[in-house]
């Protein structure tokens, strides 16, 4: 059997297993709430790994490894802060979101924002921001997967895109959150196994740890230190953006906080998340530095990982690595698809339009909406506008700017008002877009920004100022809102 045939056989079995999980859970969802959230039906390992697998995405395997191969240790603060991201999210949002979602019966984060800021306009803006950001984010994951098939199997880009995309959409549409979370758990262990194989093989192939760093320093001397050629502000921003600002930038992952019914489950989930992400990002750094030595002439950073796999590993082990890459992509895709579907059904169809639907009708609509969103994102992925990492970065920055401080101040500051919340969301999102536009006008690039300040840092700062100032100038929230959100 040829190498390509072995890869195809391994990946076909993998896809069939994931679809089988979707079919298994197909009849277990009896309502829209169960389909989108599965509250109280998942344990700490499933929730924790699902949170992290959704957050990590294909950008960490395809985009970030390729980017770190170029920037070296200048880029390592992103890995460190990404590994620490669960701490920020769980401690600052987790338990409060869990308790409030239980009181309100919320299915989406937009539900909670709408209730906290007592305004349908806030719910509508939150829904619109997420949906606008989700489409290119989903498209980026489809592109990452299609690149894997293109490099390793020699398939045309569009065939890999349709085959992979069809499998993910199918099991997500069939099984809902139960299927998504359980496939995330399986995929999370595959991710760890894949990197546990590739990291030591890559380091040894580069001559061992010391020799690898010596050669990398010769090839890329400015990237061997933490600061190197990057401005200090860029490095500090890197740490803040990929750690703290995950609070607002990863709503598909944060939605997992609405699932547990008790604090013990949530704390257990946090432990699984921290261990999982720490392991992944340590391995990713080693692989990236080794690839700089082993693939010095590679032109396309997004192809770093699949090219390294094809160079170093036999098909059996290579198939595990590729399954790990695809697992990261599938986890993020399925999580975002489900959240996007829940927003359209719960916040647009039911709350904004005002339709009343029974359980069977709700499930049918939920599945169709999820399918349509996936198909639309796949269409965008046929001609994606930029490299994977920067598509993900822009979508992340847009959501981080809109949601980080409305979430934080909304849950921790009783004085935050409806007008303040709306100003924070709209102002942060607009500031992020304007900062990207100004950077493009000045430098002709999405990777350079005025003063070296990331849009994902500038937007949230504008949001924070607007939210505090406007809240101070407007009337206090109603007493019932304060009781619901701050009684304990």
Foldseek 3Di string as FASTA:
>chain_A
DDLLVLLVVLVVVVLVVLLVLLQVQLPVDQFLLCQLFVAANDFQLLLLLLLQLQLCALCLVQVVLLVCLQQPLLLLLLLVQLLQQLVQQCVQFQPLLQQLCVVVVDRAPLVVLCLLQVHLVSSVLLLVLLLVLLLLLLLLLLQLQLLLCCPQNVDPSLVSSCVLLVSLLNSLLRRGPVSLSVLSSVLLVLLLVLLVVQLVLLQVVCPHDVSLLVQLCVLRVQNSDNCRPHDPQLSVLSNCLSHNLCNQLRRLSSSSSNRYNDPVRSVSSSVSNSVSSNSNSVSSSSLSSSLCRVPVPDDDSSCSNSVSLVVGHRSVSSSSNSSSSSSSSSSNNSSSLSNSLCCCLPSPVCPVVPDDDDGVVSSVSSSVSSSVSSVSSSVCSVCPDDNSNLSSVLSSLLRSLQPSVSSSCSQPPQLFHSQLNVCLRVQLNVQLVVQQVQQCVVPVDSCATVVSNHSSRRSNVRSVVSRVVVSVVDDGDDPVSCCSRPVD
